[in-house]
Amino acid sequence: MVAVTRTTRNIEITAENLQEELHRLEVQRHALERELAAVTAHLSSVQQALAALQGLIRTAPPAASRPEVSGPVAAVPAADPVGSAGPGPSAAVEAPATADERTRAARSAPDRTRPARHESERTAQDQGKYGRLTEQIMEFFATTGGTPVRARDVAAALGRDTDAGSINAVRSTLDRLVGTSRIRRAGRGLYCAHSS
């Protein structure tokens, strides 16, 4: 009788553990689906930008009449998403079809004839743009007392958890702060302040 009761209890414990695992896997699946949707959207926007730039390259004047470009210009290779073995989403990338679309693409493309900004101008402008998030994150870690937290929790504490792009911006900033040794990685996906 004792062996039967013990076996029944073991089965119940195993069933409870599997229920918890099922819940955890469903949450993880939803998170991965959201991340996949964000990556797909980003891929689409990169393909559109590349198509616009390729359209500009096709309609650009011959090399002899192009203005002198100051600073290095990188060649833009054709996009081939990782894992594509044949026609797929990348095969749909073409130049804009109408003159209006080419005009809009030309206006949104960077001006290649403009001289490169000086490093000091770039640094000051980048500090104004990105310094606020960095400082908010550092202020948040000052209140955690060295407790490891996830990027999503940091984003939620800063009110930047509205979409995947905002969370990814926080995650990228956290990785940059780890790279500059302002915070440290406490484990996979966990960040914490340096202990004083």
C-alpha atoms as a PDB file:
ATOM      1  CA  MET A   1       0.000   0.000   0.000  1.00  0.00           C
ATOM      2  CA  VAL A   2       2.844   2.408   0.834  1.00  0.00           C
ATOM      3  CA  ALA A   3       4.529   1.743  -2.529  1.00  0.00           C
ATOM      4  CA  VAL A   4       1.297   2.527  -4.416  1.00  0.00           C
ATOM      5  CA  THR A   5       0.824   5.800  -2.487  1.00  0.00           C
ATOM      6  CA  ARG A   6       4.445   6.790  -3.129  1.00  0.00           C
ATOM      7  CA  THR A   7       4.111   5.998  -6.845  1.00  0.00           C
ATOM      8  CA  THR A   8       0.899   8.008  -7.060  1.00  0.00           C
ATOM      9  CA  ARG A   9       2.565  10.966  -5.351  1.00  0.00           C
ATOM     10  CA  ASN A  10       5.560  10.754  -7.720  1.00  0.00           C
ATOM     11  CA  ILE A  11       3.201  10.806 -10.702  1.00  0.00           C
ATOM     12  CA  GLU A  12       1.403  13.864  -9.265  1.00  0.00           C
ATOM     13  CA  ILE A  13       4.708  15.677  -8.700  1.00  0.00           C
ATOM     14  CA  THR A  14       5.855  14.849 -12.229  1.00  0.00           C
ATOM     15  CA  ALA A  15       2.546  16.100 -13.656  1.00  0.00           C
ATOM     16  CA  GLU A  16       2.856  19.373 -11.689  1.00  0.00           C
ATOM     17  CA  ASN A  17       6.427  19.853 -12.933  1.00  0.00           C
ATOM     18  CA  LEU A  18       5.347  19.235 -16.509  1.00  0.00           C
ATOM     19  CA  GLN A  19       2.488  21.762 -16.134  1.00  0.00           C
ATOM     20  CA  GLU A  20       4.981  24.391 -14.920  1.00  0.00           C
ATOM     21  CA  GLU A  21       7.347  23.539 -17.768  1.00  0.00           C
ATOM     22  CA  LEU A  22       4.485  23.796 -20.271  1.00  0.00           C
ATOM     23  CA  HIS A  23       3.578  27.262 -18.974  1.00  0.00           C
ATOM     24  CA  ARG A  24       7.212  28.408 -19.121  1.00  0.00           C
ATOM     25  CA  LEU A  25       7.582  27.105 -22.688  1.00  0.00           C
ATOM     26  CA  GLU A  26       4.379  28.843 -23.810  1.00  0.00           C
ATOM     27  CA  VAL A  27       5.626  32.155 -22.406  1.00  0.00           C
ATOM     28  CA  GLN A  28       8.973  31.624 -24.132  1.00  0.00           C
ATOM     29  CA  ARG A  29       7.212  30.760 -27.411  1.00  0.00           C
ATOM     30  CA  HIS A  30       5.172  33.989 -27.268  1.00  0.00           C
ATOM     31  CA  ALA A  31       8.313  36.017 -26.568  1.00  0.00           C
ATOM     32  CA  LEU A  32      10.107  34.387 -29.496  1.00  0.00           C
ATOM     33  CA  GLU A  33       7.137  35.037 -31.778  1.00  0.00           C
ATOM     34  CA  ARG A  34       7.208  38.732 -30.828  1.00  0.00           C
ATOM     35  CA  GLU A  35      10.955  38.866 -31.441  1.00  0.00           C
ATOM     36  CA  LEU A  36      10.552  37.125 -34.804  1.00  0.00           C
ATOM     37  CA  ALA A  37       7.898  39.673 -35.787  1.00  0.00           C
ATOM     38  CA  ALA A  38      10.268  42.514 -34.883  1.00  0.00           C
ATOM     39  CA  VAL A  39      13.123  40.955 -36.870  1.00  0.00           C
ATOM     40  CA  THR A  40      10.819  40.401 -39.850  1.00  0.00           C
ATOM     41  CA  ALA A  41       9.698  44.031 -39.758  1.00  0.00           C
ATOM     42  CA  HIS A  42      13.313  45.200 -39.540  1.00  0.00           C
ATOM     43  CA  LEU A  43      14.280  42.925 -42.434  1.00  0.00           C
ATOM     44  CA  SER A  44      11.476  44.399 -44.511  1.00  0.00           C
ATOM     45  CA  SER A  45      12.562  47.977 -43.802  1.00  0.00           C
ATOM     46  CA  VAL A  46      16.209  47.147 -44.619  1.00  0.00           C
ATOM     47  CA  GLN A  47      15.127  45.536 -47.891  1.00  0.00           C
ATOM     48  CA  GLN A  48      13.078  48.624 -48.790  1.00  0.00           C
ATOM     49  CA  ALA A  49      15.980  50.945 -47.982  1.00  0.00           C
ATOM     50  CA  LEU A  50      18.352  48.797 -50.020  1.00  0.00           C
ATOM     51  CA  ALA A  51      15.927  48.800 -52.949  1.00  0.00           C
ATOM     52  CA  ALA A  52      15.716  52.600 -52.768  1.00  0.00           C
ATOM     53  CA  LEU A  53      19.506  52.925 -52.716  1.00  0.00           C
ATOM     54  CA  GLN A  54      19.880  50.493 -55.608  1.00  0.00           C
ATOM     55  CA  GLY A  55      17.344  52.580 -57.530  1.00  0.00           C
ATOM     56  CA  LEU A  56      19.449  55.669 -56.840  1.00  0.00           C
ATOM     57  CA  ILE A  57      22.571  53.895 -58.018  1.00  0.00           C
ATOM     58  CA  ARG A  58      20.848  52.892 -61.284  1.00  0.00           C
ATOM     59  CA  THR A  59      19.620  56.445 -61.935  1.00  0.00           C
ATOM     60  CA  ALA A  60      22.837  58.180 -60.822  1.00  0.00           C
ATOM     61  CA  PRO A  61      24.843  60.118 -63.432  1.00  0.00           C
ATOM     62  CA  PRO A  62      27.945  58.448 -64.939  1.00  0.00           C
ATOM     63  CA  ALA A  63      31.094  58.360 -62.806  1.00  0.00           C
ATOM     64  CA  ALA A  64      32.779  61.176 -64.777  1.00  0.00           C
ATOM     65  CA  SER A  65      30.059  63.698 -63.868  1.00  0.00           C
ATOM     66  CA  ARG A  66      29.639  62.661 -60.219  1.00  0.00           C
ATOM     67  CA  PRO A  67      30.854  65.164 -57.609  1.00  0.00           C
ATOM     68  CA  GLU A  68      33.936  64.315 -55.530  1.00  0.00           C
ATOM     69  CA  VAL A  69      32.924  62.501 -52.351  1.00  0.00           C
ATOM     70  CA  SER A  70      34.842  63.389 -49.206  1.00  0.00           C
ATOM     71  CA  GLY A  71      35.404  60.513 -46.804  1.00  0.00           C
ATOM     72  CA  PRO A  72      35.177  56.770 -47.350  1.00  0.00           C
ATOM     73  CA  VAL A  73      32.126  55.347 -49.093  1.00  0.00           C
ATOM     74  CA  ALA A  74      31.323  51.679 -48.545  1.00  0.00           C
ATOM     75  CA  ALA A  75      30.013  49.533 -51.361  1.00  0.00           C
ATOM     76  CA  VAL A  76      26.472  48.273 -50.825  1.00  0.00           C
ATOM     77  CA  PRO A  77      26.271  44.522 -51.566  1.00  0.00           C
ATOM     78  CA  ALA A  78      23.034  42.906 -52.670  1.00  0.00           C
ATOM     79  CA  ALA A  79      20.945  41.662 -49.768  1.00  0.00           C
ATOM     80  CA  ASP A  80      20.761  37.899 -49.304  1.00  0.00           C
ATOM     81  CA  PRO A  81      19.068  36.976 -46.027  1.00  0.00           C
ATOM     82  CA  VAL A  82      20.733  34.212 -44.073  1.00  0.00           C
ATOM     83  CA  GLY A  83      19.302  30.839 -44.926  1.00  0.00           C
ATOM     84  CA  SER A  84      17.728  31.785 -48.250  1.00  0.00           C
ATOM     85  CA  ALA A  85      18.312  29.010 -50.720  1.00  0.00           C
ATOM     86  CA  GLY A  86      16.326  30.352 -53.617  1.00  0.00           C
ATOM     87  CA  PRO A  87      13.598  32.791 -54.521  1.00  0.00           C
ATOM     88  CA  GLY A  88      11.972  34.137 -51.434  1.00  0.00           C
ATOM     89  CA  PRO A  89      11.505  37.481 -49.742  1.00  0.00           C
ATOM     90  CA  SER A  90      14.839  38.749 -51.064  1.00  0.00           C
ATOM     91  CA  ALA A  91      13.789  38.069 -54.670  1.00  0.00           C
ATOM     92  CA  ALA A  92      11.068  40.706 -54.305  1.00  0.00           C
ATOM     93  CA  VAL A  93      13.596  43.506 -53.729  1.00  0.00           C
ATOM     94  CA  GLU A  94      13.512  45.736 -56.779  1.00  0.00           C
ATOM     95  CA  ALA A  95      14.070  49.381 -57.590  1.00  0.00           C
ATOM     96  CA  PRO A  96      11.120  51.764 -57.052  1.00  0.00           C
ATOM     97  CA  ALA A  97       8.771  51.556 -60.029  1.00  0.00           C
ATOM     98  CA  THR A  98       7.649  55.169 -60.411  1.00  0.00           C
ATOM     99  CA  ALA A  99       9.369  58.510 -60.611  1.00  0.00           C
ATOM    100  CA  ASP A 100       7.545  59.636 -57.444  1.00  0.00           C
ATOM    101  CA  GLU A 101       8.932  56.704 -55.491  1.00  0.00           C
ATOM    102  CA  ARG A 102      12.454  57.404 -56.787  1.00  0.00           C
ATOM    103  CA  THR A 103      12.088  61.062 -55.784  1.00  0.00           C
ATOM    104  CA  ARG A 104      10.950  60.116 -52.265  1.00  0.00           C
ATOM    105  CA  ALA A 105      13.828  57.631 -51.988  1.00  0.00           C
ATOM    106  CA  ALA A 106      16.312  60.284 -53.115  1.00  0.00           C
ATOM    107  CA  ARG A 107      15.039  62.749 -50.507  1.00  0.00           C
ATOM    108  CA  SER A 108      15.283  60.176 -47.699  1.00  0.00           C
ATOM    109  CA  ALA A 109      18.771  58.949 -48.737  1.00  0.00           C
ATOM    110  CA  PRO A 110      21.810  60.545 -47.081  1.00  0.00           C
ATOM    111  CA  ASP A 111      23.526  63.363 -48.981  1.00  0.00           C
ATOM    112  CA  ARG A 112      26.813  61.883 -50.210  1.00  0.00           C
ATOM    113  CA  THR A 113      28.257  65.203 -51.323  1.00  0.00           C
ATOM    114  CA  ARG A 114      28.084  66.695 -47.837  1.00  0.00           C
ATOM    115  CA  PRO A 115      31.435  66.723 -45.992  1.00  0.00           C
ATOM    116  CA  ALA A 116      31.806  64.333 -43.092  1.00  0.00           C
ATOM    117  CA  ARG A 117      31.087  65.729 -39.621  1.00  0.00           C
ATOM    118  CA  HIS A 118      33.982  66.303 -37.315  1.00  0.00           C
ATOM    119  CA  GLU A 119      34.376  63.778 -34.498  1.00  0.00           C
ATOM    120  CA  SER A 120      33.595  66.418 -31.841  1.00  0.00           C
ATOM    121  CA  GLU A 121      30.312  67.342 -33.548  1.00  0.00           C
ATOM    122  CA  ARG A 122      29.369  63.669 -33.820  1.00  0.00           C
ATOM    123  CA  THR A 123      30.178  63.021 -30.159  1.00  0.00           C
ATOM    124  CA  ALA A 124      28.174  66.008 -28.901  1.00  0.00           C
ATOM    125  CA  GLN A 125      25.184  65.117 -31.031  1.00  0.00           C
ATOM    126  CA  ASP A 126      25.303  61.432 -30.092  1.00  0.00           C
ATOM    127  CA  GLN A 127      25.583  62.297 -26.374  1.00  0.00           C
ATOM    128  CA  GLY A 128      22.385  64.346 -26.586  1.00  0.00           C
ATOM    129  CA  LYS A 129      20.594  61.549 -28.387  1.00  0.00           C
ATOM    130  CA  TYR A 130      21.780  58.524 -26.415  1.00  0.00           C
ATOM    131  CA  GLY A 131      23.061  59.930 -23.128  1.00  0.00           C
ATOM    132  CA  ARG A 132      19.602  60.199 -21.632  1.00  0.00           C
ATOM    133  CA  LEU A 133      18.851  56.463 -21.899  1.00  0.00           C
ATOM    134  CA  THR A 134      22.320  55.599 -20.631  1.00  0.00           C
ATOM    135  CA  GLU A 135      21.937  57.864 -17.619  1.00  0.00           C
ATOM    136  CA  GLN A 136      18.434  56.546 -16.892  1.00  0.00           C
ATOM    137  CA  ILE A 137      19.787  53.003 -16.920  1.00  0.00           C
ATOM    138  CA  MET A 138      22.695  53.949 -14.640  1.00  0.00           C
ATOM    139  CA  GLU A 139      20.279  55.653 -12.216  1.00  0.00           C
ATOM    140  CA  PHE A 140      18.117  52.513 -12.234  1.00  0.00           C
ATOM    141  CA  PHE A 141      21.103  50.280 -11.428  1.00  0.00           C
ATOM    142  CA  ALA A 142      22.059  52.613  -8.578  1.00  0.00           C
ATOM    143  CA  THR A 143      18.755  51.630  -6.926  1.00  0.00           C
ATOM    144  CA  THR A 144      18.993  47.857  -7.476  1.00  0.00           C
ATOM    145  CA  GLY A 145      21.693  47.239  -4.892  1.00  0.00           C
ATOM    146  CA  GLY A 146      23.581  44.807  -7.113  1.00  0.00           C
ATOM    147  CA  THR A 147      20.565  42.546  -7.735  1.00  0.00           C
ATOM    148  CA  PRO A 148      20.665  40.969 -11.226  1.00  0.00           C
ATOM    149  CA  VAL A 149      17.842  42.141 -13.515  1.00  0.00           C
ATOM    150  CA  ARG A 150      16.723  41.319 -17.059  1.00  0.00           C
ATOM    151  CA  ALA A 151      16.728  43.842 -19.908  1.00  0.00           C
ATOM    152  CA  ARG A 152      12.934  43.609 -20.134  1.00  0.00           C
ATOM    153  CA  ASP A 153      12.658  44.536 -16.427  1.00  0.00           C
ATOM    154  CA  VAL A 154      14.959  47.527 -16.928  1.00  0.00           C
ATOM    155  CA  ALA A 155      12.852  48.622 -19.915  1.00  0.00           C
ATOM    156  CA  ALA A 156       9.661  48.262 -17.855  1.00  0.00           C
ATOM    157  CA  ALA A 157      11.131  50.302 -14.984  1.00  0.00           C
ATOM    158  CA  LEU A 158      12.037  53.080 -17.439  1.00  0.00           C
ATOM    159  CA  GLY A 159       8.653  52.959 -19.191  1.00  0.00           C
ATOM    160  CA  ARG A 160      10.276  51.742 -22.410  1.00  0.00           C
ATOM    161  CA  ASP A 161       8.566  48.355 -22.698  1.00  0.00           C
ATOM    162  CA  THR A 162       5.853  49.397 -25.146  1.00  0.00           C
ATOM    163  CA  ASP A 163       7.326  47.557 -28.161  1.00  0.00           C
ATOM    164  CA  ALA A 164      10.164  45.252 -29.154  1.00  0.00           C
ATOM    165  CA  GLY A 165      12.185  48.136 -30.629  1.00  0.00           C
ATOM    166  CA  SER A 166      12.240  50.027 -27.344  1.00  0.00           C
ATOM    167  CA  ILE A 167      13.219  46.912 -25.401  1.00  0.00           C
ATOM    168  CA  ASN A 168      15.958  46.166 -27.931  1.00  0.00           C
ATOM    169  CA  ALA A 169      17.270  49.730 -27.559  1.00  0.00           C
ATOM    170  CA  VAL A 170      17.546  49.149 -23.801  1.00  0.00           C
ATOM    171  CA  ARG A 171      19.178  45.750 -24.403  1.00  0.00           C
ATOM    172  CA  SER A 172      21.719  47.301 -26.816  1.00  0.00           C
ATOM    173  CA  THR A 173      22.522  50.059 -24.340  1.00  0.00           C
ATOM    174  CA  LEU A 174      22.987  47.471 -21.580  1.00  0.00           C
ATOM    175  CA  ASP A 175      25.416  45.532 -23.788  1.00  0.00           C
ATOM    176  CA  ARG A 176      27.298  48.747 -24.561  1.00  0.00           C
ATOM    177  CA  LEU A 177      27.515  49.536 -20.836  1.00  0.00           C
ATOM    178  CA  VAL A 178      28.861  46.023 -20.197  1.00  0.00           C
ATOM    179  CA  GLY A 179      31.456  46.646 -22.928  1.00  0.00           C
ATOM    180  CA  THR A 180      32.579  49.852 -21.224  1.00  0.00           C
ATOM    181  CA  SER A 181      32.562  48.145 -17.796  1.00  0.00           C
ATOM    182  CA  ARG A 182      29.963  50.480 -16.300  1.00  0.00           C
ATOM    183  CA  ILE A 183      27.745  47.504 -15.421  1.00  0.00           C
ATOM    184  CA  ARG A 184      28.416  43.774 -15.540  1.00  0.00           C
ATOM    185  CA  ARG A 185      26.683  40.722 -16.937  1.00  0.00           C
ATOM    186  CA  ALA A 186      25.545  38.498 -14.069  1.00  0.00           C
ATOM    187  CA  GLY A 187      24.461  35.583 -16.232  1.00  0.00           C
ATOM    188  CA  ARG A 188      22.609  34.842 -19.430  1.00  0.00           C
ATOM    189  CA  GLY A 189      20.318  37.821 -19.996  1.00  0.00           C
ATOM    190  CA  LEU A 190      21.027  39.254 -16.531  1.00  0.00           C
ATOM    191  CA  TYR A 191      22.741  42.552 -15.761  1.00  0.00           C
ATOM    192  CA  CYS A 192      23.760  44.152 -12.472  1.00  0.00           C
ATOM    193  CA  ALA A 193      25.721  47.100 -11.143  1.00  0.00           C
ATOM    194  CA  HIS A 194      29.336  46.665 -10.145  1.00  0.00           C
ATOM    195  CA  SER A 195      29.668  45.949  -6.436  1.00  0.00           C
ATOM    196  CA  SER A 196      31.250  48.866  -4.606  1.00  0.00           C
END
